[in-house]
Amino acid sequence: MMEELKEEYIINKVGGRFKLSTLIQKRLVALNAGSRPLVNIASENKMEIVLEEIKQDKIHLDMSNEVRITGEGDGGQFFDDFGGDL
């Protein structure tokens, strides 16, 4: 799992190590606050869920470094840091 963080493709996919770290942290907070996973995987490990969401292009950071769900509404669904819809 942690090896995936070192792989250049996932770092480049989100725009760098800082953005990857920010995206993971914010999405983990949302999942811990009760947000539902956006992928179906055979794991309860939240880090694995977040990494799979990134790999499947389910989530991304917007221009203000907020987590958005890809493909929902106009530009994606927005979550605050606690997993609630805004």
PDB file of N, CA and C in Angstrom:
ATOM      1  N   MET A   1       0.825  -1.192   0.000  1.00  0.00           N
ATOM      2  CA  MET A   1       0.000   0.000   0.000  1.00  0.00           C
ATOM      3  C   MET A   1       0.870   1.257   0.000  1.00  0.00           C
ATOM      4  N   MET A   2       1.779   1.387   0.953  1.00  0.00           N
ATOM      5  CA  MET A   2       2.610   2.587   1.031  1.00  0.00           C
ATOM      6  C   MET A   2       3.538   2.695  -0.179  1.00  0.00           C
ATOM      7  N   GLU A   3       3.853   1.542  -0.795  1.00  0.00           N
ATOM      8  CA  GLU A   3       4.688   1.574  -1.984  1.00  0.00           C
ATOM      9  C   GLU A   3       4.009   2.362  -3.096  1.00  0.00           C
ATOM     10  N   GLU A   4       2.667   2.303  -3.121  1.00  0.00           N
ATOM     11  CA  GLU A   4       1.923   3.015  -4.155  1.00  0.00           C
ATOM     12  C   GLU A   4       2.130   4.518  -4.061  1.00  0.00           C
ATOM     13  N   LEU A   5       2.352   5.022  -2.846  1.00  0.00           N
ATOM     14  CA  LEU A   5       2.574   6.459  -2.679  1.00  0.00           C
ATOM     15  C   LEU A   5       3.865   6.896  -3.351  1.00  0.00           C
ATOM     16  N   LYS A   6       4.820   5.992  -3.436  1.00  0.00           N
ATOM     17  CA  LYS A   6       6.110   6.318  -4.021  1.00  0.00           C
ATOM     18  C   LYS A   6       6.096   6.239  -5.533  1.00  0.00           C
ATOM     19  N   GLU A   7       5.108   5.593  -6.085  1.00  0.00           N
ATOM     20  CA  GLU A   7       5.054   5.434  -7.526  1.00  0.00           C
ATOM     21  C   GLU A   7       4.746   6.773  -8.182  1.00  0.00           C
ATOM     22  N   GLU A   8       5.536   7.104  -9.168  1.00  0.00           N
ATOM     23  CA  GLU A   8       5.412   8.404  -9.819  1.00  0.00           C
ATOM     24  C   GLU A   8       4.058   8.645 -10.464  1.00  0.00           C
ATOM     25  N   TYR A   9       3.416   7.593 -10.983  1.00  0.00           N
ATOM     26  CA  TYR A   9       2.159   7.835 -11.695  1.00  0.00           C
ATOM     27  C   TYR A   9       1.092   8.412 -10.787  1.00  0.00           C
ATOM     28  N   ILE A  10       0.999   7.935  -9.551  1.00  0.00           N
ATOM     29  CA  ILE A  10      -0.050   8.451  -8.665  1.00  0.00           C
ATOM     30  C   ILE A  10       0.305   9.857  -8.188  1.00  0.00           C
ATOM     31  N   ILE A  11       1.586  10.128  -8.017  1.00  0.00           N
ATOM     32  CA  ILE A  11       2.027  11.473  -7.633  1.00  0.00           C
ATOM     33  C   ILE A  11       1.731  12.443  -8.767  1.00  0.00           C
ATOM     34  N   ASN A  12       2.079  12.059  -9.982  1.00  0.00           N
ATOM     35  CA  ASN A  12       1.823  12.910 -11.144  1.00  0.00           C
ATOM     36  C   ASN A  12       0.333  13.062 -11.425  1.00  0.00           C
ATOM     37  N   LYS A  13      -0.436  12.032 -11.149  1.00  0.00           N
ATOM     38  CA  LYS A  13      -1.874  12.039 -11.408  1.00  0.00           C
ATOM     39  C   LYS A  13      -2.574  13.181 -10.673  1.00  0.00           C
ATOM     40  N   VAL A  14      -2.133  13.462  -9.443  1.00  0.00           N
ATOM     41  CA  VAL A  14      -2.781  14.511  -8.645  1.00  0.00           C
ATOM     42  C   VAL A  14      -2.032  15.832  -8.670  1.00  0.00           C
ATOM     43  N   GLY A  15      -0.846  15.846  -9.273  1.00  0.00           N
ATOM     44  CA  GLY A  15      -0.132  17.115  -9.428  1.00  0.00           C
ATOM     45  C   GLY A  15       1.001  17.352  -8.447  1.00  0.00           C
ATOM     46  N   GLY A  16       1.516  16.289  -7.845  1.00  0.00           N
ATOM     47  CA  GLY A  16       2.672  16.431  -6.969  1.00  0.00           C
ATOM     48  C   GLY A  16       2.443  15.825  -5.590  1.00  0.00           C
ATOM     49  N   ARG A  17       3.536  15.714  -4.855  1.00  0.00           N
ATOM     50  CA  ARG A  17       3.483  15.085  -3.535  1.00  0.00           C
ATOM     51  C   ARG A  17       2.638  15.875  -2.543  1.00  0.00           C
ATOM     52  N   PHE A  18       2.740  17.197  -2.567  1.00  0.00           N
ATOM     53  CA  PHE A  18       1.955  18.014  -1.646  1.00  0.00           C
ATOM     54  C   PHE A  18       0.464  17.816  -1.889  1.00  0.00           C
ATOM     55  N   LYS A  19       0.059  17.867  -3.145  1.00  0.00           N
ATOM     56  CA  LYS A  19      -1.356  17.686  -3.462  1.00  0.00           C
ATOM     57  C   LYS A  19      -1.827  16.279  -3.116  1.00  0.00           C
ATOM     58  N   LEU A  20      -0.984  15.276  -3.355  1.00  0.00           N
ATOM     59  CA  LEU A  20      -1.343  13.908  -2.994  1.00  0.00           C
ATOM     60  C   LEU A  20      -1.554  13.798  -1.491  1.00  0.00           C
ATOM     61  N   SER A  21      -0.633  14.343  -0.727  1.00  0.00           N
ATOM     62  CA  SER A  21      -0.745  14.310   0.729  1.00  0.00           C
ATOM     63  C   SER A  21      -2.005  15.031   1.204  1.00  0.00           C
ATOM     64  N   THR A  22      -2.285  16.185   0.620  1.00  0.00           N
ATOM     65  CA  THR A  22      -3.471  16.954   0.983  1.00  0.00           C
ATOM     66  C   THR A  22      -4.742  16.196   0.649  1.00  0.00           C
ATOM     67  N   LEU A  23      -4.798  15.621  -0.546  1.00  0.00           N
ATOM     68  CA  LEU A  23      -5.974  14.875  -0.978  1.00  0.00           C
ATOM     69  C   LEU A  23      -6.220  13.673  -0.065  1.00  0.00           C
ATOM     70  N   ILE A  24      -5.169  12.927   0.234  1.00  0.00           N
ATOM     71  CA  ILE A  24      -5.310  11.763   1.105  1.00  0.00           C
ATOM     72  C   ILE A  24      -5.801  12.183   2.479  1.00  0.00           C
ATOM     73  N   GLN A  25      -5.183  13.203   3.050  1.00  0.00           N
ATOM     74  CA  GLN A  25      -5.556  13.644   4.393  1.00  0.00           C
ATOM     75  C   GLN A  25      -7.003  14.097   4.446  1.00  0.00           C
ATOM     76  N   LYS A  26      -7.412  14.912   3.501  1.00  0.00           N
ATOM     77  CA  LYS A  26      -8.785  15.432   3.502  1.00  0.00           C
ATOM     78  C   LYS A  26      -9.799  14.328   3.257  1.00  0.00           C
ATOM     79  N   ARG A  27      -9.487  13.404   2.384  1.00  0.00           N
ATOM     80  CA  ARG A  27     -10.427  12.325   2.101  1.00  0.00           C
ATOM     81  C   ARG A  27     -10.519  11.356   3.283  1.00  0.00           C
ATOM     82  N   LEU A  28      -9.390  11.096   3.966  1.00  0.00           N
ATOM     83  CA  LEU A  28      -9.431  10.251   5.157  1.00  0.00           C
ATOM     84  C   LEU A  28     -10.301  10.871   6.237  1.00  0.00           C
ATOM     85  N   VAL A  29     -10.204  12.184   6.412  1.00  0.00           N
ATOM     86  CA  VAL A  29     -11.053  12.874   7.382  1.00  0.00           C
ATOM     87  C   VAL A  29     -12.520  12.675   7.020  1.00  0.00           C
ATOM     88  N   ALA A  30     -12.844  12.826   5.734  1.00  0.00           N
ATOM     89  CA  ALA A  30     -14.229  12.663   5.286  1.00  0.00           C
ATOM     90  C   ALA A  30     -14.724  11.236   5.526  1.00  0.00           C
ATOM     91  N   LEU A  31     -13.896  10.241   5.198  1.00  0.00           N
ATOM     92  CA  LEU A  31     -14.294   8.846   5.420  1.00  0.00           C
ATOM     93  C   LEU A  31     -14.473   8.556   6.909  1.00  0.00           C
ATOM     94  N   ASN A  32     -13.579   9.068   7.722  1.00  0.00           N
ATOM     95  CA  ASN A  32     -13.685   8.852   9.166  1.00  0.00           C
ATOM     96  C   ASN A  32     -14.911   9.540   9.753  1.00  0.00           C
ATOM     97  N   ALA A  33     -15.385  10.598   9.087  1.00  0.00           N
ATOM     98  CA  ALA A  33     -16.572  11.322   9.549  1.00  0.00           C
ATOM     99  C   ALA A  33     -17.859  10.696   9.018  1.00  0.00           C
ATOM    100  N   GLY A  34     -17.750   9.622   8.243  1.00  0.00           N
ATOM    101  CA  GLY A  34     -18.936   8.917   7.793  1.00  0.00           C
ATOM    102  C   GLY A  34     -19.230   8.968   6.315  1.00  0.00           C
ATOM    103  N   SER A  35     -18.403   9.646   5.540  1.00  0.00           N
ATOM    104  CA  SER A  35     -18.595   9.672   4.092  1.00  0.00           C
ATOM    105  C   SER A  35     -18.446   8.257   3.539  1.00  0.00           C
ATOM    106  N   ARG A  36     -19.231   7.922   2.542  1.00  0.00           N
ATOM    107  CA  ARG A  36     -19.186   6.574   1.968  1.00  0.00           C
ATOM    108  C   ARG A  36     -18.060   6.448   0.941  1.00  0.00           C
ATOM    109  N   PRO A  37     -17.420   5.285   0.879  1.00  0.00           N
ATOM    110  CA  PRO A  37     -16.402   5.050  -0.149  1.00  0.00           C
ATOM    111  C   PRO A  37     -17.026   5.145  -1.541  1.00  0.00           C
ATOM    112  N   LEU A  38     -16.251   5.601  -2.501  1.00  0.00           N
ATOM    113  CA  LEU A  38     -16.704   5.753  -3.875  1.00  0.00           C
ATOM    114  C   LEU A  38     -16.290   4.581  -4.752  1.00  0.00           C
ATOM    115  N   VAL A  39     -15.617   3.617  -4.150  1.00  0.00           N
ATOM    116  CA  VAL A  39     -15.165   2.434  -4.879  1.00  0.00           C
ATOM    117  C   VAL A  39     -15.588   1.191  -4.115  1.00  0.00           C
ATOM    118  N   ASN A  40     -15.699   0.107  -4.834  1.00  0.00           N
ATOM    119  CA  ASN A  40     -16.038  -1.183  -4.248  1.00  0.00           C
ATOM    120  C   ASN A  40     -14.782  -2.033  -4.210  1.00  0.00           C
ATOM    121  N   ILE A  41     -14.139  -2.122  -3.054  1.00  0.00           N
ATOM    122  CA  ILE A  41     -12.964  -2.981  -2.925  1.00  0.00           C
ATOM    123  C   ILE A  41     -13.141  -3.839  -1.685  1.00  0.00           C
ATOM    124  N   ALA A  42     -12.443  -4.955  -1.662  1.00  0.00           N
ATOM    125  CA  ALA A  42     -12.549  -5.901  -0.551  1.00  0.00           C
ATOM    126  C   ALA A  42     -11.592  -5.505   0.565  1.00  0.00           C
ATOM    127  N   SER A  43     -11.752  -4.291   1.071  1.00  0.00           N
ATOM    128  CA  SER A  43     -10.904  -3.822   2.152  1.00  0.00           C
ATOM    129  C   SER A  43     -11.663  -2.793   2.974  1.00  0.00           C
ATOM    130  N   GLU A  44     -11.420  -2.829   4.260  1.00  0.00           N
ATOM    131  CA  GLU A  44     -11.970  -1.810   5.154  1.00  0.00           C
ATOM    132  C   GLU A  44     -10.913  -0.743   5.455  1.00  0.00           C
ATOM    133  N   ASN A  45      -9.681  -0.952   4.951  1.00  0.00           N
ATOM    134  CA  ASN A  45      -8.581  -0.025   5.184  1.00  0.00           C
ATOM    135  C   ASN A  45      -8.852   1.278   4.434  1.00  0.00           C
ATOM    136  N   LYS A  46      -9.028   2.355   5.173  1.00  0.00           N
ATOM    137  CA  LYS A  46      -9.409   3.627   4.561  1.00  0.00           C
ATOM    138  C   LYS A  46      -8.330   4.178   3.634  1.00  0.00           C
ATOM    139  N   MET A  47      -7.064   3.944   3.954  1.00  0.00           N
ATOM    140  CA  MET A  47      -5.983   4.406   3.078  1.00  0.00           C
ATOM    141  C   MET A  47      -6.052   3.693   1.735  1.00  0.00           C
ATOM    142  N   GLU A  48      -6.319   2.396   1.749  1.00  0.00           N
ATOM    143  CA  GLU A  48      -6.457   1.654   0.498  1.00  0.00           C
ATOM    144  C   GLU A  48      -7.661   2.156  -0.295  1.00  0.00           C
ATOM    145  N   ILE A  49      -8.737   2.489   0.392  1.00  0.00           N
ATOM    146  CA  ILE A  49      -9.930   3.014  -0.271  1.00  0.00           C
ATOM    147  C   ILE A  49      -9.606   4.339  -0.955  1.00  0.00           C
ATOM    148  N   VAL A  50      -8.922   5.232  -0.243  1.00  0.00           N
ATOM    149  CA  VAL A  50      -8.578   6.543  -0.813  1.00  0.00           C
ATOM    150  C   VAL A  50      -7.665   6.376  -2.025  1.00  0.00           C
ATOM    151  N   LEU A  51      -6.653   5.524  -1.912  1.00  0.00           N
ATOM    152  CA  LEU A  51      -5.740   5.318  -3.033  1.00  0.00           C
ATOM    153  C   LEU A  51      -6.479   4.756  -4.244  1.00  0.00           C
ATOM    154  N   GLU A  52      -7.422   3.865  -4.010  1.00  0.00           N
ATOM    155  CA  GLU A  52      -8.202   3.306  -5.121  1.00  0.00           C
ATOM    156  C   GLU A  52      -9.109   4.378  -5.727  1.00  0.00           C
ATOM    157  N   GLU A  53      -9.685   5.241  -4.896  1.00  0.00           N
ATOM    158  CA  GLU A  53     -10.506   6.339  -5.407  1.00  0.00           C
ATOM    159  C   GLU A  53      -9.675   7.260  -6.303  1.00  0.00           C
ATOM    160  N   ILE A  54      -8.450   7.508  -5.903  1.00  0.00           N
ATOM    161  CA  ILE A  54      -7.554   8.349  -6.719  1.00  0.00           C
ATOM    162  C   ILE A  54      -7.223   7.641  -8.026  1.00  0.00           C
ATOM    163  N   LYS A  55      -6.847   6.359  -7.939  1.00  0.00           N
ATOM    164  CA  LYS A  55      -6.483   5.612  -9.146  1.00  0.00           C
ATOM    165  C   LYS A  55      -7.632   5.521 -10.133  1.00  0.00           C
ATOM    166  N   GLN A  56      -8.864   5.429  -9.623  1.00  0.00           N
ATOM    167  CA  GLN A  56     -10.029   5.328 -10.501  1.00  0.00           C
ATOM    168  C   GLN A  56     -10.596   6.699 -10.873  1.00  0.00           C
ATOM    169  N   ASP A  57      -9.872   7.760 -10.575  1.00  0.00           N
ATOM    170  CA  ASP A  57     -10.298   9.128 -10.903  1.00  0.00           C
ATOM    171  C   ASP A  57     -11.643   9.492 -10.292  1.00  0.00           C
ATOM    172  N   LYS A  58     -11.920   8.993  -9.104  1.00  0.00           N
ATOM    173  CA  LYS A  58     -13.181   9.306  -8.424  1.00  0.00           C
ATOM    174  C   LYS A  58     -13.104  10.620  -7.661  1.00  0.00           C
ATOM    175  N   ILE A  59     -11.903  10.996  -7.200  1.00  0.00           N
ATOM    176  CA  ILE A  59     -11.735  12.229  -6.433  1.00  0.00           C
ATOM    177  C   ILE A  59     -10.537  13.009  -6.955  1.00  0.00           C
ATOM    178  N   HIS A  60     -10.562  14.300  -6.719  1.00  0.00           N
ATOM    179  CA  HIS A  60      -9.443  15.171  -7.072  1.00  0.00           C
ATOM    180  C   HIS A  60      -9.515  16.429  -6.218  1.00  0.00           C
ATOM    181  N   LEU A  61      -8.449  17.215  -6.235  1.00  0.00           N
ATOM    182  CA  LEU A  61      -8.445  18.507  -5.557  1.00  0.00           C
ATOM    183  C   LEU A  61      -8.832  19.574  -6.556  1.00  0.00           C
ATOM    184  N   ASP A  62      -9.663  20.523  -6.118  1.00  0.00           N
ATOM    185  CA  ASP A  62      -9.981  21.648  -6.995  1.00  0.00           C
ATOM    186  C   ASP A  62      -8.885  22.711  -6.847  1.00  0.00           C
ATOM    187  N   MET A  63      -9.088  23.850  -7.472  1.00  0.00           N
ATOM    188  CA  MET A  63      -8.060  24.895  -7.476  1.00  0.00           C
ATOM    189  C   MET A  63      -7.782  25.463  -6.082  1.00  0.00           C
ATOM    190  N   SER A  64      -8.715  25.311  -5.156  1.00  0.00           N
ATOM    191  CA  SER A  64      -8.500  25.811  -3.791  1.00  0.00           C
ATOM    192  C   SER A  64      -8.144  24.666  -2.826  1.00  0.00           C
ATOM    193  N   ASN A  65      -7.677  23.557  -3.393  1.00  0.00           N
ATOM    194  CA  ASN A  65      -7.245  22.391  -2.619  1.00  0.00           C
ATOM    195  C   ASN A  65      -8.352  21.780  -1.777  1.00  0.00           C
ATOM    196  N   GLU A  66      -9.572  21.811  -2.282  1.00  0.00           N
ATOM    197  CA  GLU A  66     -10.688  21.121  -1.636  1.00  0.00           C
ATOM    198  C   GLU A  66     -10.985  19.851  -2.431  1.00  0.00           C
ATOM    199  N   VAL A  67     -11.434  18.812  -1.742  1.00  0.00           N
ATOM    200  CA  VAL A  67     -11.723  17.530  -2.375  1.00  0.00           C
ATOM    201  C   VAL A  67     -13.028  17.621  -3.152  1.00  0.00           C
ATOM    202  N   ARG A  68     -12.992  17.149  -4.391  1.00  0.00           N
ATOM    203  CA  ARG A  68     -14.191  17.074  -5.222  1.00  0.00           C
ATOM    204  C   ARG A  68     -14.330  15.658  -5.763  1.00  0.00           C
ATOM    205  N   ILE A  69     -15.586  15.226  -5.875  1.00  0.00           N
ATOM    206  CA  ILE A  69     -15.877  13.948  -6.507  1.00  0.00           C
ATOM    207  C   ILE A  69     -16.018  14.206  -7.994  1.00  0.00           C
ATOM    208  N   THR A  70     -15.272  13.498  -8.780  1.00  0.00           N
ATOM    209  CA  THR A  70     -15.254  13.694 -10.216  1.00  0.00           C
ATOM    210  C   THR A  70     -16.597  13.338 -10.838  1.00  0.00           C
ATOM    211  N   GLY A  71     -17.060  14.202 -11.753  1.00  0.00           N
ATOM    212  CA  GLY A  71     -18.209  13.896 -12.575  1.00  0.00           C
ATOM    213  C   GLY A  71     -19.572  14.150 -11.973  1.00  0.00           C
ATOM    214  N   GLU A  72     -19.659  14.829 -10.849  1.00  0.00           N
ATOM    215  CA  GLU A  72     -20.962  15.096 -10.253  1.00  0.00           C
ATOM    216  C   GLU A  72     -21.281  16.573 -10.371  1.00  0.00           C
ATOM    217  N   GLY A  73     -22.410  16.868 -10.982  1.00  0.00           N
ATOM    218  CA  GLY A  73     -22.858  18.258 -11.093  1.00  0.00           C
ATOM    219  C   GLY A  73     -21.910  19.103 -11.903  1.00  0.00           C
ATOM    220  N   ASP A  74     -21.808  20.352 -11.551  1.00  0.00           N
ATOM    221  CA  ASP A  74     -20.933  21.276 -12.273  1.00  0.00           C
ATOM    222  C   ASP A  74     -19.583  21.344 -11.584  1.00  0.00           C
ATOM    223  N   GLY A  75     -18.686  20.464 -12.008  1.00  0.00           N
ATOM    224  CA  GLY A  75     -17.334  20.490 -11.469  1.00  0.00           C
ATOM    225  C   GLY A  75     -17.097  19.507 -10.338  1.00  0.00           C
ATOM    226  N   GLY A  76     -18.091  18.760  -9.949  1.00  0.00           N
ATOM    227  CA  GLY A  76     -17.903  17.771  -8.904  1.00  0.00           C
ATOM    228  C   GLY A  76     -18.532  18.187  -7.599  1.00  0.00           C
ATOM    229  N   GLN A  77     -18.860  17.186  -6.812  1.00  0.00           N
ATOM    230  CA  GLN A  77     -19.457  17.439  -5.513  1.00  0.00           C
ATOM    231  C   GLN A  77     -18.375  17.915  -4.556  1.00  0.00           C
ATOM    232  N   PHE A  78     -18.712  18.876  -3.709  1.00  0.00           N
ATOM    233  CA  PHE A  78     -17.754  19.457  -2.785  1.00  0.00           C
ATOM    234  C   PHE A  78     -18.009  18.935  -1.386  1.00  0.00           C
ATOM    235  N   PHE A  79     -16.952  18.594  -0.680  1.00  0.00           N
ATOM    236  CA  PHE A  79     -17.055  18.173   0.715  1.00  0.00           C
ATOM    237  C   PHE A  79     -16.232  19.109   1.577  1.00  0.00           C
ATOM    238  N   ASP A  80     -16.771  19.478   2.735  1.00  0.00           N
ATOM    239  CA  ASP A  80     -15.941  20.206   3.677  1.00  0.00           C
ATOM    240  C   ASP A  80     -14.981  19.201   4.326  1.00  0.00           C
ATOM    241  N   ASP A  81     -14.103  19.655   5.203  1.00  0.00           N
ATOM    242  CA  ASP A  81     -13.104  18.786   5.798  1.00  0.00           C
ATOM    243  C   ASP A  81     -13.683  17.717   6.698  1.00  0.00           C
ATOM    244  N   PHE A  82     -14.960  17.793   7.016  1.00  0.00           N
ATOM    245  CA  PHE A  82     -15.571  16.813   7.908  1.00  0.00           C
ATOM    246  C   PHE A  82     -16.504  15.867   7.165  1.00  0.00           C
ATOM    247  N   GLY A  83     -16.460  15.883   5.831  1.00  0.00           N
ATOM    248  CA  GLY A  83     -17.204  14.928   5.041  1.00  0.00           C
ATOM    249  C   GLY A  83     -18.614  15.352   4.680  1.00  0.00           C
ATOM    250  N   GLY A  84     -19.036  16.511   5.134  1.00  0.00           N
ATOM    251  CA  GLY A  84     -20.389  16.967   4.821  1.00  0.00           C
ATOM    252  C   GLY A  84     -20.458  17.666   3.501  1.00  0.00           C
ATOM    253  N   ASP A  85     -21.599  17.555   2.844  1.00  0.00           N
ATOM    254  CA  ASP A  85     -21.817  18.279   1.598  1.00  0.00           C
ATOM    255  C   ASP A  85     -21.925  19.761   1.888  1.00  0.00           C
ATOM    256  N   LEU A  86     -21.383  20.559   1.023  1.00  0.00           N
ATOM    257  CA  LEU A  86     -21.539  22.021   1.147  1.00  0.00           C
ATOM    258  C   LEU A  86     -22.289  22.542  -0.038  1.00  0.00           C
TER     259      LEU A  86
END
